[in-house]
Protein backbone atom coordinates (compact mmCIF):
# COMPACT_ATOMS: atom_id res chain seq x y z
CA MET A 1 115.05 145.56 110.13
CA LYS A 2 116.84 143.85 107.01
CA LYS A 3 117.58 140.58 109.54
CA ILE A 4 113.59 140.35 110.01
CA LEU A 5 112.69 140.58 106.50
CA SER A 6 115.23 138.41 104.90
CA THR A 7 114.47 135.69 107.71
CA THR A 8 110.19 136.10 106.61
CA ILE A 9 111.40 135.59 102.97
CA ILE A 10 113.65 132.75 103.49
CA SER A 11 110.90 131.02 106.00
CA ALA A 12 108.42 131.73 103.07
CA ILE A 13 110.56 130.20 100.34
CA SER A 14 111.20 127.26 102.90
CA ILE A 15 107.34 126.94 103.48
CA MET A 16 106.63 126.86 99.55
CA LEU A 17 109.31 124.01 99.53
CA ILE A 18 107.96 121.99 101.36
CA THR A 19 104.42 122.46 100.64
CA ALA A 20 105.25 121.79 96.60
CA CYS A 21 107.51 118.60 97.28
CA SER A 22 104.95 117.55 99.55
CA SER A 23 101.95 117.62 97.10
CA LYS A 24 103.94 116.14 93.99
CA GLU A 25 101.87 112.97 93.41
CA PRO A 26 99.21 111.34 95.76
CA THR A 27 100.09 107.90 96.78
CA MET A 28 97.97 105.19 96.21
CA GLY A 29 97.01 103.90 99.65
CA ALA A 30 93.85 104.83 101.11
CA HIS A 31 93.10 108.57 101.50
CA ILE A 32 90.27 108.22 103.72
CA ASP A 33 88.86 109.07 107.22
CA LYS A 34 90.39 107.28 109.43
CA THR A 35 87.72 106.51 111.27
CA ASP A 36 85.59 105.01 108.31
CA GLU A 37 86.24 101.27 108.94
CA SER A 38 84.62 99.98 105.98
CA THR A 39 87.67 100.96 104.15
CA ILE A 40 90.38 98.38 104.17
CA LYS A 41 94.22 99.42 104.58
CA THR A 42 94.75 98.10 101.29
CA ALA A 43 92.45 100.12 99.18
CA ILE A 44 93.79 101.96 95.92
CA TYR A 45 93.10 106.00 96.16
CA ILE A 46 91.92 106.80 92.73
CA GLY A 47 90.81 110.35 92.95
CA ASN A 48 88.14 111.77 90.79
CA MET A 49 88.60 108.82 88.33
CA LYS A 50 85.56 107.68 86.40
CA THR A 51 84.21 104.19 87.47
CA GLU A 52 84.45 102.94 83.81
CA LYS A 53 88.30 103.95 83.41
CA ALA A 54 89.19 102.13 87.50
CA ILE A 55 87.46 98.97 86.24
CA LEU A 56 89.48 99.17 82.84
CA ALA A 57 92.23 99.48 84.83
CA VAL A 58 91.58 96.79 86.89
CA GLU A 59 91.08 94.38 84.31
CA LYS A 60 94.02 95.33 82.31
CA ALA A 61 96.24 94.77 85.40
CA ALA A 62 94.42 91.64 86.38
CA GLU A 63 94.49 89.91 82.59
CA LYS A 64 98.25 90.98 82.59
CA ASN A 65 99.08 89.08 85.47
CA GLY A 66 97.12 86.06 84.66
CA TRP A 67 94.08 86.57 86.65
CA LYS A 68 90.52 85.71 84.84
CA VAL A 69 88.40 88.87 85.08
CA THR A 70 84.38 88.40 85.42
CA GLU A 71 82.31 91.44 85.47
CA PHE A 72 80.00 91.11 88.18
CA LYS A 73 78.24 94.90 88.29
CA ARG A 74 78.90 98.03 87.06
CA ASN A 75 81.64 99.02 89.50
CA THR A 76 82.58 95.43 90.62
CA VAL A 77 84.42 93.05 89.09
CA ILE A 78 85.46 89.18 90.31
CA VAL A 79 89.03 87.96 89.95
CA GLU A 80 90.20 84.80 89.89
CA LYS A 81 93.64 82.75 89.75
CA VAL A 82 94.62 79.12 89.98
CA ILE A 83 97.68 78.60 91.61
CA GLY A 84 98.75 74.53 91.58
CA ASP A 85 95.91 72.71 92.78
CA LYS A 86 94.24 75.97 94.85
CA THR A 87 92.14 78.70 93.28
CA ILE A 88 92.53 82.30 94.91
CA ASN A 89 89.61 84.87 94.24
CA ARG A 90 88.41 88.28 95.18
CA THR A 91 85.99 90.81 94.67
CA ILE A 92 87.03 93.77 93.24
CA LYS A 93 84.93 97.02 93.77
CA VAL A 94 84.91 100.50 92.61
CA HIS A 95 84.18 103.16 95.17
CA ASN A 96 83.91 106.94 95.26
CA LYS A 97 87.30 107.53 95.62
CA HIS A 98 88.87 104.29 95.83
CA ILE A 99 89.35 100.50 94.74
CA SER A 100 89.17 98.04 97.46
CA GLY A 101 88.59 94.31 97.69
CA ASP A 102 86.29 92.01 99.42
CA LYS A 103 89.03 90.89 101.80
CA GLN A 104 92.41 92.29 103.01
CA ALA A 105 95.03 91.34 100.48
CA SER A 106 97.76 88.62 101.72
CA GLY A 107 99.52 86.60 99.90
CA TYR A 108 102.14 87.17 97.18
CA GLU A 109 99.73 86.50 94.00
CA LEU A 110 97.03 89.35 95.59
CA SER A 111 100.20 91.68 96.79
CA ASN A 112 101.27 91.90 92.73
CA LEU A 113 97.81 92.13 91.71
CA ARG A 114 97.58 95.32 93.76
CA GLU A 115 100.82 96.72 92.47
CA ALA A 116 99.62 95.87 88.86
CA ILE A 117 96.62 97.86 89.39
CA VAL A 118 98.14 100.92 91.26
CA GLU A 119 100.29 100.56 88.09
CA GLU A 120 97.42 100.64 85.65
CA VAL A 121 95.51 103.59 87.75
CA LYS A 122 98.53 105.73 87.59
CA ASN A 123 98.67 105.00 83.61
CA GLU A 124 95.21 105.90 83.06
CA ASN A 125 95.74 109.29 85.26
CA ASN A 126 98.75 110.23 83.05
CA PRO A 127 98.07 108.51 79.82
CA HIS A 128 101.07 110.38 78.31
CA HIS A 129 103.86 108.49 80.50
């Protein structure tokens, strides 16, 4: 009986530890139903962040990385950057629980922009850090 009780307690503690460790902070990938093909793989999860706050995070990240930002709609901005003789631009939109661009991010500059947006979203969600 003591062996069963101690095994049960150890199992319960193990499950609690695994659950606590796995639910620390959501990753910044898209947490959308996999059957939703409208969400691209590079979407940034924002949870319940308000649209205005998410747009502000996008604007800050883009401007810090040398992108020009133009507000298009309440939930959409256009970012553009000149690199040499080429201009890169993307339309970035805030959806219900994520931020996504009009095309899948490719290239060094777009990857850097995505990482900067992820950092700004984290900063907006945790302003004390």
